[in-house]
Each structure stands twice: as structure tokens, then as C-alpha cells.
């Protein structure tokens, strides 16, 4: 993992494989860490554990699932979905521990 400090206001970007992931939001890291801790997490589990609004959770999950980032995977439908870390997400969590 390579951390690249960016100009103030742009946060930090981390290189995972060939992709840069922006880490300017602690909520994103909290969601990834909670999914890692639980193994499989539902939207409600994340809401209860992290205490952020459902719309914010939905926005972050959508970002993390996107083809460009793909840190997590959805195991079923959006409403009843269970989320797990993708391989890239597991790599990211390991990099946080270093």
C-alpha cells in the first residue's frame, strides 16, 4: 500500500492494486471496519453500530460497491442486502492495520 498525501481538502488517496481509493471520510472507514468485524453486515447493523443516517449509509455503500472501487460486495437485494468485503476491501483493511 502506498499512501499519497494530497492538497488540503482533498483527503488521502491510497493505491490498492492499480486503483486509487479516496479516504477523506471517517464514515467510509467505519463502515468498512464494521463489515470486516461482522463478516456479513446488513444496512440496519451498520446503522445501529455506527450511528449514522440510513441515507448516508446507502450513499457510502453505493460508492463502495461501484465498479470503480469495488471494496464490498452485495450478497442479495439492496433492501435486504448483506454486505461482505471484496478481495480489494480485505487488502484495504489489512493495510489499515499496518
N, C-alpha and C. Protein backbone atom coordinates (compact mmCIF):
# COMPACT_ATOMS: atom_id res chain seq x y z
N UNK A 1 0.84 -1.17 0.00
CA UNK A 1 0.00 0.00 0.00
C UNK A 1 0.89 1.23 0.00
N UNK A 2 0.49 2.21 -0.78
CA UNK A 2 1.19 3.47 -0.84
C UNK A 2 0.22 4.56 -0.45
N UNK A 3 0.57 5.36 0.53
CA UNK A 3 -0.28 6.48 0.90
C UNK A 3 0.26 7.73 0.25
N UNK A 4 -0.62 8.51 -0.34
CA UNK A 4 -0.22 9.71 -1.04
C UNK A 4 -0.95 10.89 -0.42
N UNK A 5 -0.24 11.75 0.34
CA UNK A 5 -0.92 12.92 0.88
C UNK A 5 -1.26 13.88 -0.26
N UNK A 6 -2.46 14.39 -0.25
CA UNK A 6 -2.91 15.32 -1.28
C UNK A 6 -3.05 16.70 -0.68
N UNK A 7 -3.34 17.68 -1.52
CA UNK A 7 -3.55 19.03 -1.03
C UNK A 7 -4.66 19.04 0.01
N UNK A 8 -4.58 19.98 0.93
CA UNK A 8 -5.58 20.10 1.98
C UNK A 8 -6.97 20.20 1.35
N UNK A 9 -7.91 19.48 1.92
CA UNK A 9 -9.27 19.48 1.41
C UNK A 9 -9.56 18.33 0.47
N UNK A 10 -8.51 17.66 0.04
CA UNK A 10 -8.69 16.53 -0.87
C UNK A 10 -8.51 15.20 -0.17
N UNK A 11 -8.14 15.21 1.10
CA UNK A 11 -8.01 13.98 1.85
C UNK A 11 -6.79 13.18 1.45
N UNK A 12 -6.84 11.90 1.69
CA UNK A 12 -5.74 11.00 1.38
C UNK A 12 -6.24 9.98 0.39
N UNK A 13 -5.39 9.65 -0.57
CA UNK A 13 -5.73 8.60 -1.51
C UNK A 13 -4.76 7.45 -1.31
N UNK A 14 -5.27 6.24 -1.37
CA UNK A 14 -4.45 5.05 -1.17
C UNK A 14 -4.48 4.23 -2.45
N UNK A 15 -3.33 3.76 -2.86
CA UNK A 15 -3.21 2.92 -4.04
C UNK A 15 -3.42 1.48 -3.62
N UNK A 16 -4.45 0.84 -4.18
CA UNK A 16 -4.70 -0.58 -3.94
C UNK A 16 -4.69 -1.24 -5.31
N UNK A 17 -3.68 -2.04 -5.56
CA UNK A 17 -3.53 -2.59 -6.90
C UNK A 17 -3.24 -1.45 -7.86
N UNK A 18 -4.08 -1.29 -8.86
CA UNK A 18 -3.92 -0.21 -9.83
C UNK A 18 -4.89 0.94 -9.57
N UNK A 19 -5.66 0.89 -8.48
CA UNK A 19 -6.70 1.87 -8.22
C UNK A 19 -6.37 2.74 -7.03
N UNK A 20 -6.70 4.03 -7.14
CA UNK A 20 -6.58 4.95 -6.03
C UNK A 20 -7.92 5.05 -5.33
N UNK A 21 -7.94 4.89 -4.01
CA UNK A 21 -9.14 4.98 -3.21
C UNK A 21 -9.01 6.21 -2.32
N UNK A 22 -10.01 7.08 -2.35
CA UNK A 22 -10.01 8.28 -1.52
C UNK A 22 -10.48 7.93 -0.12
N UNK A 23 -9.74 8.36 0.87
CA UNK A 23 -10.06 8.05 2.27
C UNK A 23 -10.32 9.31 3.06
N UNK A 24 -11.05 10.24 2.48
CA UNK A 24 -11.25 11.52 3.13
C UNK A 24 -12.43 11.51 4.09
N UNK A 25 -13.05 10.39 4.31
CA UNK A 25 -14.24 10.33 5.14
C UNK A 25 -14.11 9.22 6.17
N UNK A 26 -14.14 9.59 7.47
CA UNK A 26 -14.04 8.59 8.53
C UNK A 26 -15.24 7.63 8.52
N UNK A 27 -16.38 8.08 8.00
CA UNK A 27 -17.55 7.23 7.94
C UNK A 27 -17.31 6.04 7.02
N UNK A 28 -16.60 6.27 5.93
CA UNK A 28 -16.28 5.18 5.00
C UNK A 28 -15.43 4.14 5.71
N UNK A 29 -14.39 4.59 6.40
CA UNK A 29 -13.53 3.66 7.12
C UNK A 29 -14.31 2.92 8.20
N UNK A 30 -15.21 3.62 8.89
CA UNK A 30 -16.02 2.98 9.94
C UNK A 30 -16.88 1.87 9.37
N UNK A 31 -17.49 2.12 8.22
CA UNK A 31 -18.34 1.11 7.60
C UNK A 31 -17.51 -0.09 7.17
N UNK A 32 -16.37 0.14 6.54
CA UNK A 32 -15.51 -0.97 6.12
C UNK A 32 -15.02 -1.79 7.32
N UNK A 33 -14.62 -1.11 8.38
CA UNK A 33 -14.16 -1.82 9.57
C UNK A 33 -15.28 -2.64 10.21
N UNK A 34 -16.49 -2.09 10.24
CA UNK A 34 -17.62 -2.81 10.84
C UNK A 34 -17.97 -4.03 10.00
N UNK A 35 -17.97 -3.91 8.68
CA UNK A 35 -18.24 -5.07 7.81
C UNK A 35 -17.16 -6.13 8.02
N UNK A 36 -15.92 -5.69 8.15
CA UNK A 36 -14.82 -6.62 8.41
C UNK A 36 -15.02 -7.34 9.74
N UNK A 37 -15.42 -6.60 10.75
CA UNK A 37 -15.64 -7.17 12.09
C UNK A 37 -16.78 -8.18 12.09
N UNK A 38 -17.89 -7.83 11.43
CA UNK A 38 -19.07 -8.69 11.43
C UNK A 38 -18.98 -9.84 10.43
N UNK A 39 -18.19 -9.68 9.39
CA UNK A 39 -18.12 -10.70 8.33
C UNK A 39 -19.19 -10.46 7.29
N UNK A 40 -20.43 -10.43 7.70
CA UNK A 40 -21.57 -10.11 6.84
C UNK A 40 -22.39 -9.07 7.59
N UNK A 41 -22.66 -7.94 6.94
CA UNK A 41 -23.39 -6.87 7.61
C UNK A 41 -24.58 -6.42 6.79
N UNK A 42 -25.68 -6.18 7.46
CA UNK A 42 -26.87 -5.60 6.83
C UNK A 42 -26.86 -4.10 7.08
N UNK A 43 -27.63 -3.37 6.29
CA UNK A 43 -27.71 -1.92 6.44
C UNK A 43 -28.08 -1.54 7.87
N UNK A 44 -29.06 -2.22 8.44
CA UNK A 44 -29.51 -1.92 9.80
C UNK A 44 -28.40 -2.17 10.82
N UNK A 45 -27.61 -3.23 10.62
CA UNK A 45 -26.47 -3.50 11.52
C UNK A 45 -25.50 -2.32 11.51
N UNK A 46 -25.24 -1.81 10.31
CA UNK A 46 -24.31 -0.68 10.19
C UNK A 46 -24.88 0.57 10.84
N UNK A 47 -26.17 0.80 10.62
CA UNK A 47 -26.83 1.96 11.22
C UNK A 47 -26.79 1.89 12.74
N UNK A 48 -27.10 0.74 13.30
CA UNK A 48 -27.11 0.57 14.75
C UNK A 48 -25.71 0.71 15.36
N UNK A 49 -24.71 0.18 14.67
CA UNK A 49 -23.35 0.16 15.22
C UNK A 49 -22.63 1.49 15.07
N UNK A 50 -22.85 2.19 13.96
CA UNK A 50 -22.08 3.38 13.66
C UNK A 50 -22.84 4.67 13.96
N UNK A 51 -24.15 4.58 14.05
CA UNK A 51 -25.00 5.73 14.38
C UNK A 51 -24.90 6.86 13.34
N UNK A 52 -24.97 6.48 12.07
CA UNK A 52 -25.10 7.47 11.01
C UNK A 52 -26.39 7.17 10.27
N UNK A 53 -26.91 8.16 9.58
CA UNK A 53 -28.24 8.03 8.95
C UNK A 53 -28.24 6.98 7.83
N UNK A 54 -29.42 6.41 7.61
CA UNK A 54 -29.57 5.41 6.55
C UNK A 54 -29.24 5.98 5.17
N UNK A 55 -29.68 7.21 4.86
CA UNK A 55 -29.31 7.75 3.54
C UNK A 55 -27.79 7.86 3.36
N UNK A 56 -27.08 8.22 4.43
CA UNK A 56 -25.62 8.30 4.34
C UNK A 56 -25.02 6.92 4.17
N UNK A 57 -25.53 5.94 4.90
CA UNK A 57 -25.06 4.57 4.75
C UNK A 57 -25.30 4.09 3.32
N UNK A 58 -26.50 4.35 2.79
CA UNK A 58 -26.81 3.93 1.42
C UNK A 58 -25.87 4.58 0.41
N UNK A 59 -25.57 5.87 0.60
CA UNK A 59 -24.67 6.58 -0.31
C UNK A 59 -23.27 5.97 -0.27
N UNK A 60 -22.78 5.69 0.93
CA UNK A 60 -21.44 5.11 1.07
C UNK A 60 -21.38 3.70 0.51
N UNK A 61 -22.41 2.88 0.80
CA UNK A 61 -22.43 1.52 0.28
C UNK A 61 -22.44 1.52 -1.25
N UNK A 62 -23.23 2.42 -1.82
CA UNK A 62 -23.28 2.53 -3.28
C UNK A 62 -21.90 2.87 -3.84
N UNK A 63 -21.19 3.76 -3.16
CA UNK A 63 -19.85 4.15 -3.59
C UNK A 63 -18.88 2.97 -3.47
N UNK A 64 -18.96 2.24 -2.37
CA UNK A 64 -18.03 1.14 -2.12
C UNK A 64 -18.28 -0.07 -3.02
N UNK A 65 -19.50 -0.20 -3.52
CA UNK A 65 -19.85 -1.31 -4.42
C UNK A 65 -19.53 -0.98 -5.87
N UNK A 66 -19.40 0.29 -6.19
CA UNK A 66 -19.24 0.70 -7.59
C UNK A 66 -18.09 -0.04 -8.27
N UNK A 67 -18.22 -0.20 -9.56
CA UNK A 67 -17.21 -0.93 -10.34
C UNK A 67 -15.84 -0.28 -10.23
N UNK A 68 -15.81 1.03 -10.04
CA UNK A 68 -14.53 1.73 -9.95
C UNK A 68 -13.79 1.40 -8.66
N UNK A 69 -14.53 1.21 -7.56
CA UNK A 69 -13.90 0.98 -6.26
C UNK A 69 -13.96 -0.49 -5.86
N UNK A 70 -15.16 -1.06 -5.81
CA UNK A 70 -15.40 -2.49 -5.53
C UNK A 70 -14.69 -2.99 -4.27
N UNK A 71 -14.88 -2.28 -3.15
CA UNK A 71 -14.32 -2.74 -1.88
C UNK A 71 -15.25 -3.71 -1.16
N UNK A 72 -16.56 -3.63 -1.44
CA UNK A 72 -17.51 -4.56 -0.85
C UNK A 72 -18.38 -5.16 -1.93
N UNK A 73 -19.06 -6.25 -1.57
CA UNK A 73 -19.99 -6.92 -2.48
C UNK A 73 -21.33 -7.07 -1.78
N UNK A 74 -22.39 -6.95 -2.55
CA UNK A 74 -23.74 -7.13 -2.05
C UNK A 74 -24.12 -8.60 -2.24
N UNK A 75 -24.57 -9.25 -1.18
CA UNK A 75 -24.90 -10.67 -1.24
C UNK A 75 -26.35 -10.94 -1.61
N UNK A 76 -27.20 -9.92 -1.63
CA UNK A 76 -28.61 -10.11 -2.01
C UNK A 76 -29.18 -8.77 -2.47
N UNK A 77 -30.50 -8.60 -2.42
CA UNK A 77 -31.12 -7.37 -2.90
C UNK A 77 -30.70 -6.16 -2.07
N UNK A 78 -30.88 -4.97 -2.64
CA UNK A 78 -30.48 -3.73 -1.95
C UNK A 78 -31.20 -3.56 -0.61
N UNK A 79 -32.50 -3.76 -0.58
CA UNK A 79 -33.29 -3.53 0.65
C UNK A 79 -32.91 -4.52 1.75
N UNK A 80 -32.76 -5.79 1.40
CA UNK A 80 -32.46 -6.81 2.41
C UNK A 80 -31.00 -7.23 2.34
N UNK A 81 -30.20 -6.48 1.62
CA UNK A 81 -28.83 -6.86 1.30
C UNK A 81 -27.94 -7.12 2.49
N UNK A 82 -27.07 -8.05 2.29
CA UNK A 82 -26.00 -8.33 3.22
C UNK A 82 -24.71 -8.00 2.48
N UNK A 83 -23.83 -7.31 3.14
CA UNK A 83 -22.61 -6.84 2.51
C UNK A 83 -21.39 -7.54 3.11
N UNK A 84 -20.47 -7.91 2.25
CA UNK A 84 -19.21 -8.53 2.66
C UNK A 84 -18.07 -7.80 1.97
N UNK A 85 -16.88 -7.94 2.52
CA UNK A 85 -15.71 -7.33 1.90
C UNK A 85 -15.32 -8.10 0.65
N UNK A 86 -15.01 -7.38 -0.41
CA UNK A 86 -14.43 -7.98 -1.60
C UNK A 86 -12.94 -8.17 -1.32
N UNK A 87 -12.22 -8.82 -2.21
CA UNK A 87 -10.79 -9.04 -2.01
C UNK A 87 -10.05 -7.71 -1.85
N UNK A 88 -10.41 -6.73 -2.64
CA UNK A 88 -9.77 -5.41 -2.55
C UNK A 88 -10.07 -4.78 -1.19
N UNK A 89 -11.27 -5.00 -0.66
CA UNK A 89 -11.63 -4.50 0.66
C UNK A 89 -10.82 -5.16 1.76
N UNK A 90 -10.59 -6.46 1.63
CA UNK A 90 -9.77 -7.17 2.61
C UNK A 90 -8.35 -6.64 2.59
N UNK A 91 -7.82 -6.35 1.40
CA UNK A 91 -6.50 -5.77 1.27
C UNK A 91 -6.44 -4.42 1.93
N UNK A 92 -7.48 -3.62 1.75
CA UNK A 92 -7.55 -2.30 2.36
C UNK A 92 -7.54 -2.40 3.89
N UNK A 93 -8.34 -3.30 4.45
CA UNK A 93 -8.40 -3.46 5.91
C UNK A 93 -7.05 -3.90 6.45
N UNK A 94 -6.37 -4.82 5.77
CA UNK A 94 -5.04 -5.25 6.21
C UNK A 94 -4.07 -4.08 6.20
N UNK A 95 -4.19 -3.22 5.18
CA UNK A 95 -3.31 -2.06 5.07
C UNK A 95 -3.56 -1.08 6.21
N UNK A 96 -4.79 -0.96 6.69
CA UNK A 96 -5.08 -0.08 7.83
C UNK A 96 -4.40 -0.55 9.09
N UNK A 97 -4.24 -1.87 9.24
CA UNK A 97 -3.64 -2.43 10.45
C UNK A 97 -2.13 -2.24 10.49
N UNK A 98 -1.53 -1.96 9.35
CA UNK A 98 -0.06 -1.83 9.30
C UNK A 98 0.41 -0.50 9.80
